[in-house]
Amino acid sequence: MNEKINRQLENEPNTWIFQISSLITLFALLIWSSSALEYRGSSGGMTIVTNIVTGIFTPDMDLLFNFTEQGVPYLLLETICIAFLGTVVGAILA
């Protein structure tokens, strides 16, 4: 059985040239596309993370129980309505 496998492997086309050229092309495109990136340093990312973590552990209770357009209950209802509308439109299109 090993002879059959070896014969089959010998008959397989040799694609290493194609694979290496594809890899080189991919890296060349990656390097070329990265030339358009501009890094200007950190723009206060840790400040944003700190504010998010602080907001999670010390929520604003006025915002949580405010039923106007800027409160969490209204925004939660709005999100549910958008999901329902998207489901209805998706069902109609399907």
PDB file of N, CA and C in Angstrom:
ATOM      1  N   MET A   1       0.817  -1.191   0.000  1.00  0.00           N
ATOM      2  CA  MET A   1       0.000   0.000   0.000  1.00  0.00           C
ATOM      3  C   MET A   1       0.864   1.259   0.000  1.00  0.00           C
ATOM      4  N   ASN A   2       2.005   1.227   0.617  1.00  0.00           N
ATOM      5  CA  ASN A   2       2.887   2.380   0.617  1.00  0.00           C
ATOM      6  C   ASN A   2       3.374   2.716  -0.780  1.00  0.00           C
ATOM      7  N   GLU A   3       3.545   1.720  -1.608  1.00  0.00           N
ATOM      8  CA  GLU A   3       4.000   1.956  -2.984  1.00  0.00           C
ATOM      9  C   GLU A   3       2.957   2.754  -3.754  1.00  0.00           C
ATOM     10  N   LYS A   4       1.680   2.432  -3.558  1.00  0.00           N
ATOM     11  CA  LYS A   4       0.616   3.175  -4.232  1.00  0.00           C
ATOM     12  C   LYS A   4       0.616   4.633  -3.789  1.00  0.00           C
ATOM     13  N   ILE A   5       0.795   4.835  -2.506  1.00  0.00           N
ATOM     14  CA  ILE A   5       0.817   6.202  -1.974  1.00  0.00           C
ATOM     15  C   ILE A   5       2.010   6.949  -2.513  1.00  0.00           C
ATOM     16  N   ASN A   6       3.166   6.306  -2.542  1.00  0.00           N
ATOM     17  CA  ASN A   6       4.366   6.960  -3.060  1.00  0.00           C
ATOM     18  C   ASN A   6       4.227   7.294  -4.539  1.00  0.00           C
ATOM     19  N   ARG A   7       3.664   6.384  -5.324  1.00  0.00           N
ATOM     20  CA  ARG A   7       3.449   6.666  -6.753  1.00  0.00           C
ATOM     21  C   ARG A   7       2.496   7.833  -6.947  1.00  0.00           C
ATOM     22  N   GLN A   8       1.443   7.864  -6.141  1.00  0.00           N
ATOM     23  CA  GLN A   8       0.474   8.961  -6.252  1.00  0.00           C
ATOM     24  C   GLN A   8       1.138  10.290  -5.882  1.00  0.00           C
ATOM     25  N   LEU A   9       1.943  10.297  -4.833  1.00  0.00           N
ATOM     26  CA  LEU A   9       2.640  11.523  -4.441  1.00  0.00           C
ATOM     27  C   LEU A   9       3.627  11.985  -5.511  1.00  0.00           C
ATOM     28  N   GLU A  10       4.268  11.043  -6.187  1.00  0.00           N
ATOM     29  CA  GLU A  10       5.194  11.400  -7.259  1.00  0.00           C
ATOM     30  C   GLU A  10       4.452  11.976  -8.453  1.00  0.00           C
ATOM     31  N   ASN A  11       3.219  11.541  -8.677  1.00  0.00           N
ATOM     32  CA  ASN A  11       2.438  12.033  -9.808  1.00  0.00           C
ATOM     33  C   ASN A  11       1.782  13.384  -9.544  1.00  0.00           C
ATOM     34  N   GLU A  12       1.750  13.797  -8.282  1.00  0.00           N
ATOM     35  CA  GLU A  12       1.147  15.080  -7.944  1.00  0.00           C
ATOM     36  C   GLU A  12       1.956  16.218  -8.570  1.00  0.00           C
ATOM     37  N   PRO A  13       1.282  17.278  -9.005  1.00  0.00           N
ATOM     38  CA  PRO A  13       2.030  18.405  -9.575  1.00  0.00           C
ATOM     39  C   PRO A  13       2.817  19.139  -8.495  1.00  0.00           C
ATOM     40  N   ASN A  14       3.933  19.679  -8.886  1.00  0.00           N
ATOM     41  CA  ASN A  14       4.791  20.396  -7.968  1.00  0.00           C
ATOM     42  C   ASN A  14       4.342  21.863  -7.941  1.00  0.00           C
ATOM     43  N   THR A  15       3.731  22.263  -6.833  1.00  0.00           N
ATOM     44  CA  THR A  15       3.153  23.615  -6.758  1.00  0.00           C
ATOM     45  C   THR A  15       3.914  24.531  -5.824  1.00  0.00           C
ATOM     46  N   TRP A  16       5.124  24.165  -5.429  1.00  0.00           N
ATOM     47  CA  TRP A  16       5.847  24.999  -4.472  1.00  0.00           C
ATOM     48  C   TRP A  16       6.225  26.344  -5.074  1.00  0.00           C
ATOM     49  N   ILE A  17       6.472  26.394  -6.375  1.00  0.00           N
ATOM     50  CA  ILE A  17       6.805  27.679  -7.016  1.00  0.00           C
ATOM     51  C   ILE A  17       5.598  28.609  -6.949  1.00  0.00           C
ATOM     52  N   PHE A  18       4.434  28.088  -7.243  1.00  0.00           N
ATOM     53  CA  PHE A  18       3.210  28.902  -7.174  1.00  0.00           C
ATOM     54  C   PHE A  18       2.942  29.363  -5.744  1.00  0.00           C
ATOM     55  N   GLN A  19       3.130  28.486  -4.782  1.00  0.00           N
ATOM     56  CA  GLN A  19       2.877  28.835  -3.390  1.00  0.00           C
ATOM     57  C   GLN A  19       3.838  29.917  -2.905  1.00  0.00           C
ATOM     58  N   ILE A  20       5.100  29.800  -3.243  1.00  0.00           N
ATOM     59  CA  ILE A  20       6.083  30.801  -2.807  1.00  0.00           C
ATOM     60  C   ILE A  20       5.835  32.128  -3.502  1.00  0.00           C
ATOM     61  N   SER A  21       5.510  32.097  -4.797  1.00  0.00           N
ATOM     62  CA  SER A  21       5.240  33.360  -5.494  1.00  0.00           C
ATOM     63  C   SER A  21       3.966  34.015  -4.958  1.00  0.00           C
ATOM     64  N   SER A  22       2.978  33.229  -4.586  1.00  0.00           N
ATOM     65  CA  SER A  22       1.765  33.787  -3.982  1.00  0.00           C
ATOM     66  C   SER A  22       2.072  34.427  -2.637  1.00  0.00           C
ATOM     67  N   LEU A  23       2.900  33.788  -1.844  1.00  0.00           N
ATOM     68  CA  LEU A  23       3.284  34.321  -0.546  1.00  0.00           C
ATOM     69  C   LEU A  23       4.080  35.625  -0.693  1.00  0.00           C
ATOM     70  N   ILE A  24       5.002  35.662  -1.638  1.00  0.00           N
ATOM     71  CA  ILE A  24       5.777  36.884  -1.891  1.00  0.00           C
ATOM     72  C   ILE A  24       4.864  38.005  -2.357  1.00  0.00           C
ATOM     73  N   THR A  25       3.917  37.691  -3.228  1.00  0.00           N
ATOM     74  CA  THR A  25       2.960  38.701  -3.702  1.00  0.00           C
ATOM     75  C   THR A  25       2.105  39.215  -2.558  1.00  0.00           C
ATOM     76  N   LEU A  26       1.668  38.325  -1.690  1.00  0.00           N
ATOM     77  CA  LEU A  26       0.861  38.727  -0.550  1.00  0.00           C
ATOM     78  C   LEU A  26       1.633  39.662   0.370  1.00  0.00           C
ATOM     79  N   PHE A  27       2.884  39.324   0.670  1.00  0.00           N
ATOM     80  CA  PHE A  27       3.699  40.187   1.521  1.00  0.00           C
ATOM     81  C   PHE A  27       3.990  41.524   0.853  1.00  0.00           C
ATOM     82  N   ALA A  28       4.214  41.522  -0.459  1.00  0.00           N
ATOM     83  CA  ALA A  28       4.455  42.777  -1.165  1.00  0.00           C
ATOM     84  C   ALA A  28       3.221  43.675  -1.105  1.00  0.00           C
ATOM     85  N   LEU A  29       2.035  43.103  -1.284  1.00  0.00           N
ATOM     86  CA  LEU A  29       0.806  43.885  -1.184  1.00  0.00           C
ATOM     87  C   LEU A  29       0.575  44.393   0.226  1.00  0.00           C
ATOM     88  N   LEU A  30       0.907  43.589   1.220  1.00  0.00           N
ATOM     89  CA  LEU A  30       0.770  43.993   2.614  1.00  0.00           C
ATOM     90  C   LEU A  30       1.697  45.163   2.935  1.00  0.00           C
ATOM     91  N   ILE A  31       2.937  45.083   2.485  1.00  0.00           N
ATOM     92  CA  ILE A  31       3.886  46.177   2.716  1.00  0.00           C
ATOM     93  C   ILE A  31       3.448  47.425   1.963  1.00  0.00           C
ATOM     94  N   TRP A  32       2.992  47.272   0.731  1.00  0.00           N
ATOM     95  CA  TRP A  32       2.546  48.417  -0.053  1.00  0.00           C
ATOM     96  C   TRP A  32       1.330  49.094   0.586  1.00  0.00           C
ATOM     97  N   SER A  33       0.383  48.303   1.072  1.00  0.00           N
ATOM     98  CA  SER A  33      -0.810  48.889   1.680  1.00  0.00           C
ATOM     99  C   SER A  33      -0.497  49.527   3.024  1.00  0.00           C
ATOM    100  N   SER A  34       0.506  49.016   3.726  1.00  0.00           N
ATOM    101  CA  SER A  34       0.848  49.617   5.012  1.00  0.00           C
ATOM    102  C   SER A  34       1.567  50.948   4.856  1.00  0.00           C
ATOM    103  N   SER A  35       2.012  51.274   3.660  1.00  0.00           N
ATOM    104  CA  SER A  35       2.686  52.557   3.451  1.00  0.00           C
ATOM    105  C   SER A  35       1.713  53.730   3.575  1.00  0.00           C
ATOM    106  N   ALA A  36       0.416  53.458   3.493  1.00  0.00           N
ATOM    107  CA  ALA A  36      -0.577  54.525   3.606  1.00  0.00           C
ATOM    108  C   ALA A  36      -0.970  54.804   5.058  1.00  0.00           C
ATOM    109  N   LEU A  37      -0.500  53.982   5.986  1.00  0.00           N
ATOM    110  CA  LEU A  37      -0.849  54.173   7.389  1.00  0.00           C
ATOM    111  C   LEU A  37      -0.040  55.313   7.989  1.00  0.00           C
ATOM    112  N   GLU A  38      -0.713  56.075   8.832  1.00  0.00           N
ATOM    113  CA  GLU A  38      -0.038  57.141   9.556  1.00  0.00           C
ATOM    114  C   GLU A  38      -0.268  56.930  11.046  1.00  0.00           C
ATOM    115  N   TYR A  39       0.790  56.830  11.809  1.00  0.00           N
ATOM    116  CA  TYR A  39       0.687  56.664  13.246  1.00  0.00           C
ATOM    117  C   TYR A  39       1.116  57.959  13.910  1.00  0.00           C
ATOM    118  N   ARG A  40       0.227  58.533  14.684  1.00  0.00           N
ATOM    119  CA  ARG A  40       0.506  59.800  15.347  1.00  0.00           C
ATOM    120  C   ARG A  40       0.637  59.631  16.855  1.00  0.00           C
ATOM    121  N   GLY A  41       0.869  58.450  17.293  1.00  0.00           N
ATOM    122  CA  GLY A  41       0.993  58.196  18.718  1.00  0.00           C
ATOM    123  C   GLY A  41      -0.363  57.902  19.340  1.00  0.00           C
ATOM    124  N   SER A  42      -0.323  57.665  20.620  1.00  0.00           N
ATOM    125  CA  SER A  42      -1.538  57.349  21.351  1.00  0.00           C
ATOM    126  C   SER A  42      -2.388  58.602  21.517  1.00  0.00           C
ATOM    127  N   SER A  43      -3.658  58.468  21.290  1.00  0.00           N
ATOM    128  CA  SER A  43      -4.557  59.626  21.404  1.00  0.00           C
ATOM    129  C   SER A  43      -5.447  59.499  22.635  1.00  0.00           C
ATOM    130  N   GLY A  44      -4.896  59.098  23.751  1.00  0.00           N
ATOM    131  CA  GLY A  44      -5.674  59.032  24.980  1.00  0.00           C
ATOM    132  C   GLY A  44      -6.507  57.779  25.097  1.00  0.00           C
ATOM    133  N   GLY A  45      -6.041  56.687  24.556  1.00  0.00           N
ATOM    134  CA  GLY A  45      -6.799  55.438  24.620  1.00  0.00           C
ATOM    135  C   GLY A  45      -6.985  54.937  26.037  1.00  0.00           C
ATOM    136  N   MET A  46      -5.954  55.082  26.859  1.00  0.00           N
ATOM    137  CA  MET A  46      -6.078  54.630  28.246  1.00  0.00           C
ATOM    138  C   MET A  46      -7.088  55.472  29.017  1.00  0.00           C
ATOM    139  N   THR A  47      -7.211  56.743  28.668  1.00  0.00           N
ATOM    140  CA  THR A  47      -8.223  57.596  29.309  1.00  0.00           C
ATOM    141  C   THR A  47      -9.620  57.088  28.993  1.00  0.00           C
ATOM    142  N   ILE A  48      -9.834  56.695  27.755  1.00  0.00           N
ATOM    143  CA  ILE A  48     -11.140  56.168  27.350  1.00  0.00           C
ATOM    144  C   ILE A  48     -11.429  54.854  28.072  1.00  0.00           C
ATOM    145  N   VAL A  49     -10.435  53.971  28.148  1.00  0.00           N
ATOM    146  CA  VAL A  49     -10.617  52.686  28.843  1.00  0.00           C
ATOM    147  C   VAL A  49     -10.929  52.925  30.315  1.00  0.00           C
ATOM    148  N   THR A  50     -10.215  53.851  30.932  1.00  0.00           N
ATOM    149  CA  THR A  50     -10.456  54.166  32.341  1.00  0.00           C
ATOM    150  C   THR A  50     -11.868  54.689  32.551  1.00  0.00           C
ATOM    151  N   ASN A  51     -12.346  55.546  31.658  1.00  0.00           N
ATOM    152  CA  ASN A  51     -13.706  56.071  31.770  1.00  0.00           C
ATOM    153  C   ASN A  51     -14.753  54.970  31.610  1.00  0.00           C
ATOM    154  N   ILE A  52     -14.511  54.018  30.713  1.00  0.00           N
ATOM    155  CA  ILE A  52     -15.459  52.917  30.518  1.00  0.00           C
ATOM    156  C   ILE A  52     -15.531  52.048  31.768  1.00  0.00           C
ATOM    157  N   VAL A  53     -14.360  51.672  32.305  1.00  0.00           N
ATOM    158  CA  VAL A  53     -14.339  50.822  33.501  1.00  0.00           C
ATOM    159  C   VAL A  53     -14.963  51.549  34.686  1.00  0.00           C
ATOM    160  N   THR A  54     -14.674  52.844  34.838  1.00  0.00           N
ATOM    161  CA  THR A  54     -15.275  53.629  35.923  1.00  0.00           C
ATOM    162  C   THR A  54     -16.791  53.685  35.757  1.00  0.00           C
ATOM    163  N   GLY A  55     -17.264  53.854  34.536  1.00  0.00           N
ATOM    164  CA  GLY A  55     -18.700  53.900  34.280  1.00  0.00           C
ATOM    165  C   GLY A  55     -19.396  52.582  34.563  1.00  0.00           C
ATOM    166  N   ILE A  56     -18.683  51.461  34.369  1.00  0.00           N
ATOM    167  CA  ILE A  56     -19.280  50.157  34.649  1.00  0.00           C
ATOM    168  C   ILE A  56     -19.473  49.965  36.154  1.00  0.00           C
ATOM    169  N   PHE A  57     -18.480  50.359  36.943  1.00  0.00           N
ATOM    170  CA  PHE A  57     -18.551  50.124  38.385  1.00  0.00           C
ATOM    171  C   PHE A  57     -19.276  51.223  39.145  1.00  0.00           C
ATOM    172  N   THR A  58     -19.420  52.409  38.559  1.00  0.00           N
ATOM    173  CA  THR A  58     -20.165  53.499  39.213  1.00  0.00           C
ATOM    174  C   THR A  58     -21.125  54.120  38.199  1.00  0.00           C
ATOM    175  N   PRO A  59     -22.244  53.449  37.907  1.00  0.00           N
ATOM    176  CA  PRO A  59     -23.171  53.962  36.894  1.00  0.00           C
ATOM    177  C   PRO A  59     -23.892  55.215  37.377  1.00  0.00           C
ATOM    178  N   ASP A  60     -24.311  56.034  36.422  1.00  0.00           N
ATOM    179  CA  ASP A  60     -25.077  57.244  36.707  1.00  0.00           C
ATOM    180  C   ASP A  60     -26.544  56.850  36.859  1.00  0.00           C
ATOM    181  N   MET A  61     -27.062  56.878  38.082  1.00  0.00           N
ATOM    182  CA  MET A  61     -28.432  56.427  38.343  1.00  0.00           C
ATOM    183  C   MET A  61     -29.472  57.347  37.699  1.00  0.00           C
ATOM    184  N   ASP A  62     -29.143  58.623  37.536  1.00  0.00           N
ATOM    185  CA  ASP A  62     -30.088  59.526  36.865  1.00  0.00           C
ATOM    186  C   ASP A  62     -30.289  59.114  35.413  1.00  0.00           C
ATOM    187  N   LEU A  63     -29.243  58.647  34.780  1.00  0.00           N
ATOM    188  CA  LEU A  63     -29.344  58.208  33.390  1.00  0.00           C
ATOM    189  C   LEU A  63     -30.073  56.875  33.287  1.00  0.00           C
ATOM    190  N   LEU A  64     -29.880  56.001  34.276  1.00  0.00           N
ATOM    191  CA  LEU A  64     -30.518  54.688  34.236  1.00  0.00           C
ATOM    192  C   LEU A  64     -32.036  54.758  34.381  1.00  0.00           C
ATOM    193  N   PHE A  65     -32.541  55.702  35.146  1.00  0.00           N
ATOM    194  CA  PHE A  65     -33.972  55.771  35.399  1.00  0.00           C
ATOM    195  C   PHE A  65     -34.627  56.979  34.754  1.00  0.00           C
ATOM    196  N   ASN A  66     -34.003  57.551  33.763  1.00  0.00           N
ATOM    197  CA  ASN A  66     -34.541  58.691  33.029  1.00  0.00           C
ATOM    198  C   ASN A  66     -35.321  58.158  31.831  1.00  0.00           C
ATOM    199  N   PHE A  67     -36.640  58.434  31.777  1.00  0.00           N
ATOM    200  CA  PHE A  67     -37.486  57.900  30.714  1.00  0.00           C
ATOM    201  C   PHE A  67     -37.627  58.844  29.531  1.00  0.00           C
ATOM    202  N   THR A  68     -36.784  59.875  29.447  1.00  0.00           N
ATOM    203  CA  THR A  68     -36.818  60.768  28.288  1.00  0.00           C
ATOM    204  C   THR A  68     -35.988  60.161  27.166  1.00  0.00           C
ATOM    205  N   GLU A  69     -35.780  60.928  26.101  1.00  0.00           N
ATOM    206  CA  GLU A  69     -35.067  60.409  24.934  1.00  0.00           C
ATOM    207  C   GLU A  69     -33.606  60.089  25.203  1.00  0.00           C
ATOM    208  N   GLN A  70     -33.033  60.589  26.253  1.00  0.00           N
ATOM    209  CA  GLN A  70     -31.627  60.320  26.541  1.00  0.00           C
ATOM    210  C   GLN A  70     -31.427  59.262  27.613  1.00  0.00           C
ATOM    211  N   GLY A  71     -32.482  58.692  28.144  1.00  0.00           N
ATOM    212  CA  GLY A  71     -32.364  57.706  29.216  1.00  0.00           C
ATOM    213  C   GLY A  71     -32.212  56.298  28.682  1.00  0.00           C
ATOM    214  N   VAL A  72     -31.709  55.421  29.532  1.00  0.00           N
ATOM    215  CA  VAL A  72     -31.474  54.039  29.157  1.00  0.00           C
ATOM    216  C   VAL A  72     -32.769  53.293  28.813  1.00  0.00           C
ATOM    217  N   PRO A  73     -33.877  53.454  29.569  1.00  0.00           N
ATOM    218  CA  PRO A  73     -35.096  52.717  29.206  1.00  0.00           C
ATOM    219  C   PRO A  73     -35.616  53.083  27.814  1.00  0.00           C
ATOM    220  N   TYR A  74     -35.576  54.359  27.473  1.00  0.00           N
ATOM    221  CA  TYR A  74     -36.037  54.778  26.141  1.00  0.00           C
ATOM    222  C   TYR A  74     -35.126  54.201  25.058  1.00  0.00           C
ATOM    223  N   LEU A  75     -33.828  54.267  25.280  1.00  0.00           N
ATOM    224  CA  LEU A  75     -32.884  53.740  24.302  1.00  0.00           C
ATOM    225  C   LEU A  75     -32.997  52.222  24.168  1.00  0.00           C
ATOM    226  N   LEU A  76     -33.305  51.535  25.265  1.00  0.00           N
ATOM    227  CA  LEU A  76     -33.513  50.095  25.224  1.00  0.00           C
ATOM    228  C   LEU A  76     -34.759  49.753  24.401  1.00  0.00           C
ATOM    229  N   LEU A  77     -35.842  50.498  24.618  1.00  0.00           N
ATOM    230  CA  LEU A  77     -37.055  50.298  23.830  1.00  0.00           C
ATOM    231  C   LEU A  77     -36.803  50.587  22.354  1.00  0.00           C
ATOM    232  N   GLU A  78     -36.047  51.623  22.077  1.00  0.00           N
ATOM    233  CA  GLU A  78     -35.721  51.969  20.692  1.00  0.00           C
ATOM    234  C   GLU A  78     -34.926  50.842  20.023  1.00  0.00           C
ATOM    235  N   THR A  79     -34.002  50.248  20.749  1.00  0.00           N
ATOM    236  CA  THR A  79     -33.209  49.143  20.212  1.00  0.00           C
ATOM    237  C   THR A  79     -34.087  47.940  19.916  1.00  0.00           C
ATOM    238  N   ILE A  80     -35.020  47.622  20.804  1.00  0.00           N
ATOM    239  CA  ILE A  80     -35.935  46.499  20.584  1.00  0.00           C
ATOM    240  C   ILE A  80     -36.820  46.759  19.374  1.00  0.00           C
ATOM    241  N   CYS A  81     -37.275  47.998  19.210  1.00  0.00           N
ATOM    242  CA  CYS A  81     -38.104  48.347  18.051  1.00  0.00           C
ATOM    243  C   CYS A  81     -37.326  48.214  16.749  1.00  0.00           C
ATOM    244  N   ILE A  82     -36.078  48.632  16.748  1.00  0.00           N
ATOM    245  CA  ILE A  82     -35.249  48.505  15.549  1.00  0.00           C
ATOM    246  C   ILE A  82     -35.044  47.032  15.209  1.00  0.00           C
ATOM    247  N   ALA A  83     -34.792  46.199  16.223  1.00  0.00           N
ATOM    248  CA  ALA A  83     -34.614  44.764  15.988  1.00  0.00           C
ATOM    249  C   ALA A  83     -35.895  44.140  15.447  1.00  0.00           C
ATOM    250  N   PHE A  84     -37.040  44.522  15.996  1.00  0.00           N
ATOM    251  CA  PHE A  84     -38.321  43.991  15.517  1.00  0.00           C
ATOM    252  C   PHE A  84     -38.577  44.408  14.075  1.00  0.00           C
ATOM    253  N   LEU A  85     -38.344  45.671  13.777  1.00  0.00           N
ATOM    254  CA  LEU A  85     -38.547  46.163  12.414  1.00  0.00           C
ATOM    255  C   LEU A  85     -37.608  45.465  11.440  1.00  0.00           C
ATOM    256  N   GLY A  86     -36.352  45.262  11.842  1.00  0.00           N
ATOM    257  CA  GLY A  86     -35.415  44.550  10.976  1.00  0.00           C
ATOM    258  C   GLY A  86     -35.835  43.115  10.734  1.00  0.00           C
ATOM    259  N   THR A  87     -36.404  42.480  11.749  1.00  0.00           N
ATOM    260  CA  THR A  87     -36.881  41.109  11.602  1.00  0.00           C
ATOM    261  C   THR A  87     -38.073  41.049  10.646  1.00  0.00           C
ATOM    262  N   VAL A  88     -38.988  41.993  10.778  1.00  0.00           N
ATOM    263  CA  VAL A  88     -40.168  42.021   9.899  1.00  0.00           C
ATOM    264  C   VAL A  88     -39.737  42.254   8.444  1.00  0.00           C
ATOM    265  N   VAL A  89     -38.856  43.222   8.241  1.00  0.00           N
ATOM    266  CA  VAL A  89     -38.408  43.516   6.863  1.00  0.00           C
ATOM    267  C   VAL A  89     -37.641  42.323   6.309  1.00  0.00           C
ATOM    268  N   GLY A  90     -36.806  41.679   7.122  1.00  0.00           N
ATOM    269  CA  GLY A  90     -36.083  40.495   6.676  1.00  0.00           C
ATOM    270  C   GLY A  90     -37.024  39.355   6.323  1.00  0.00           C
ATOM    271  N   ALA A  91     -38.077  39.188   7.111  1.00  0.00           N
ATOM    272  CA  ALA A  91     -39.047  38.110   6.823  1.00  0.00           C
ATOM    273  C   ALA A  91     -39.799  38.396   5.525  1.00  0.00           C
ATOM    274  N   ILE A  92     -40.119  39.661   5.295  1.00  0.00           N
ATOM    275  CA  ILE A  92     -40.828  40.014   4.057  1.00  0.00           C
ATOM    276  C   ILE A  92     -39.924  39.776   2.837  1.00  0.00           C
ATOM    277  N   LEU A  93     -38.667  40.163   2.955  1.00  0.00           N
ATOM    278  CA  LEU A  93     -37.736  39.984   1.837  1.00  0.00           C
ATOM    279  C   LEU A  93     -37.431  38.501   1.600  1.00  0.00           C
ATOM    280  N   ALA A  94     -37.462  37.723   2.654  1.00  0.00           N
ATOM    281  CA  ALA A  94     -37.157  36.284   2.476  1.00  0.00           C
ATOM    282  C   ALA A  94     -38.332  35.586   1.813  1.00  0.00           C
TER     283      ALA A  94
END
